[in-house]
Structure formats: C-alpha cells, structure tokens
Amino acid sequence: MLHTHPEPELIAVDQACLTSTNDLPEPPRPQWTSDELLGAGDEAHIVHRGDVYRLRRTLTGKLILTK
C-alpha cells in the first residue's frame, strides 16, 4: 500500500506586513564633542570594564585612544 502525505498548504503573505529589525529606526545614541570629553586639556581617561584608556588630542587635532 502506498502512503501519501497531504501537500503543504500554501499561504499568501502580504510582503508589506512583514517587518525586519533592519527596518526599525535606531534609538538615539549618546553623543559628546571631543571638547566635552577633553575639556581645556588634551587628554582624558576613560574606564572601561576596569581598564583605563587614554584619549588624547594630537597637535594636528586628531584623536588617539590607547590602553
């Protein structure tokens, strides 16, 4: 005896109803200027997971972050 399985049911889906997490707007992220971080000086220390990082402004105005 031959056993047959029913065909899978096809369902029409309106693509406009589908959303992806990529379609959602990103929440606003905190933002600071380098002047806010460095103040009047050219160096700031940032503690991340117990490690201290040094953010400094070079003579040419670039930023360097080192551990």
C-alpha atoms as a PDB file:
ATOM      1  CA  MET A   1       0.000   0.000   0.000  1.00  0.00           C
ATOM      2  CA  LEU A   2       1.336   3.442  -0.965  1.00  0.00           C
ATOM      3  CA  HIS A   3       1.154   6.121   1.727  1.00  0.00           C
ATOM      4  CA  THR A   4       0.694   9.655   0.527  1.00  0.00           C
ATOM      5  CA  HIS A   5       1.207  12.798   2.548  1.00  0.00           C
ATOM      6  CA  PRO A   6      -1.036  15.779   2.037  1.00  0.00           C
ATOM      7  CA  GLU A   7       0.508  18.648   0.103  1.00  0.00           C
ATOM      8  CA  PRO A   8       1.649  21.517   2.331  1.00  0.00           C
ATOM      9  CA  GLU A   9      -0.818  24.373   2.366  1.00  0.00           C
ATOM     10  CA  LEU A  10       0.411  27.483   0.599  1.00  0.00           C
ATOM     11  CA  ILE A  11      -0.418  30.751   2.307  1.00  0.00           C
ATOM     12  CA  ALA A  12      -0.315  34.105   0.578  1.00  0.00           C
ATOM     13  CA  VAL A  13       1.611  36.680   2.615  1.00  0.00           C
ATOM     14  CA  ASP A  14       1.399  40.390   2.106  1.00  0.00           C
ATOM     15  CA  GLN A  15       5.058  41.490   1.979  1.00  0.00           C
ATOM     16  CA  ALA A  16       4.101  44.949   3.243  1.00  0.00           C
ATOM     17  CA  CYS A  17       3.074  43.380   6.558  1.00  0.00           C
ATOM     18  CA  LEU A  18       6.463  41.800   7.125  1.00  0.00           C
ATOM     19  CA  THR A  19       8.981  43.885   9.012  1.00  0.00           C
ATOM     20  CA  SER A  20      12.591  43.259   9.742  1.00  0.00           C
ATOM     21  CA  THR A  21      14.623  44.588  12.635  1.00  0.00           C
ATOM     22  CA  ASN A  22      16.654  46.359   9.943  1.00  0.00           C
ATOM     23  CA  ASP A  23      13.565  48.404   9.095  1.00  0.00           C
ATOM     24  CA  LEU A  24      13.241  49.809  12.615  1.00  0.00           C
ATOM     25  CA  PRO A  25      14.821  53.176  13.375  1.00  0.00           C
ATOM     26  CA  GLU A  26      17.871  53.057  15.615  1.00  0.00           C
ATOM     27  CA  PRO A  27      17.417  54.545  19.066  1.00  0.00           C
ATOM     28  CA  PRO A  28      19.362  57.759  19.654  1.00  0.00           C
ATOM     29  CA  ARG A  29      22.874  57.181  20.967  1.00  0.00           C
ATOM     30  CA  PRO A  30      24.664  59.376  23.481  1.00  0.00           C
ATOM     31  CA  GLN A  31      26.956  61.861  21.796  1.00  0.00           C
ATOM     32  CA  TRP A  32      29.673  64.144  23.154  1.00  0.00           C
ATOM     33  CA  THR A  33      32.051  66.517  21.453  1.00  0.00           C
ATOM     34  CA  SER A  34      35.759  65.990  21.932  1.00  0.00           C
ATOM     35  CA  ASP A  35      35.842  69.336  23.784  1.00  0.00           C
ATOM     36  CA  GLU A  36      33.254  67.987  26.231  1.00  0.00           C
ATOM     37  CA  LEU A  37      35.386  64.895  26.858  1.00  0.00           C
ATOM     38  CA  LEU A  38      38.774  66.586  26.949  1.00  0.00           C
ATOM     39  CA  GLY A  39      37.808  69.940  28.452  1.00  0.00           C
ATOM     40  CA  ALA A  40      40.521  72.570  28.220  1.00  0.00           C
ATOM     41  CA  GLY A  41      43.219  69.875  28.203  1.00  0.00           C
ATOM     42  CA  ASP A  42      44.332  67.441  25.557  1.00  0.00           C
ATOM     43  CA  GLU A  43      43.836  64.195  27.488  1.00  0.00           C
ATOM     44  CA  ALA A  44      41.065  62.292  29.266  1.00  0.00           C
ATOM     45  CA  HIS A  45      40.981  58.910  30.969  1.00  0.00           C
ATOM     46  CA  ILE A  46      38.110  56.530  30.222  1.00  0.00           C
ATOM     47  CA  VAL A  47      37.489  53.493  32.432  1.00  0.00           C
ATOM     48  CA  HIS A  48      36.020  50.510  30.563  1.00  0.00           C
ATOM     49  CA  ARG A  49      35.496  47.156  32.312  1.00  0.00           C
ATOM     50  CA  GLY A  50      38.113  48.030  34.892  1.00  0.00           C
ATOM     51  CA  ASP A  51      40.765  49.087  32.373  1.00  0.00           C
ATOM     52  CA  VAL A  52      41.851  52.701  31.951  1.00  0.00           C
ATOM     53  CA  TYR A  53      42.102  54.043  28.414  1.00  0.00           C
ATOM     54  CA  ARG A  54      43.708  57.344  27.486  1.00  0.00           C
ATOM     55  CA  LEU A  55      42.022  59.586  24.937  1.00  0.00           C
ATOM     56  CA  ARG A  56      44.280  62.343  23.728  1.00  0.00           C
ATOM     57  CA  ARG A  57      44.211  65.055  21.115  1.00  0.00           C
ATOM     58  CA  THR A  58      47.348  65.347  18.975  1.00  0.00           C
ATOM     59  CA  LEU A  59      48.984  68.575  17.888  1.00  0.00           C
ATOM     60  CA  THR A  60      47.306  68.135  14.492  1.00  0.00           C
ATOM     61  CA  GLY A  61      43.871  67.792  16.128  1.00  0.00           C
ATOM     62  CA  LYS A  62      43.418  64.043  15.665  1.00  0.00           C
ATOM     63  CA  LEU A  63      42.192  61.775  18.480  1.00  0.00           C
ATOM     64  CA  ILE A  64      44.083  58.730  19.720  1.00  0.00           C
ATOM     65  CA  LEU A  65      42.673  56.159  22.135  1.00  0.00           C
ATOM     66  CA  THR A  66      45.230  53.902  23.843  1.00  0.00           C
ATOM     67  CA  LYS A  67      45.126  51.414  26.676  1.00  0.00           C
END
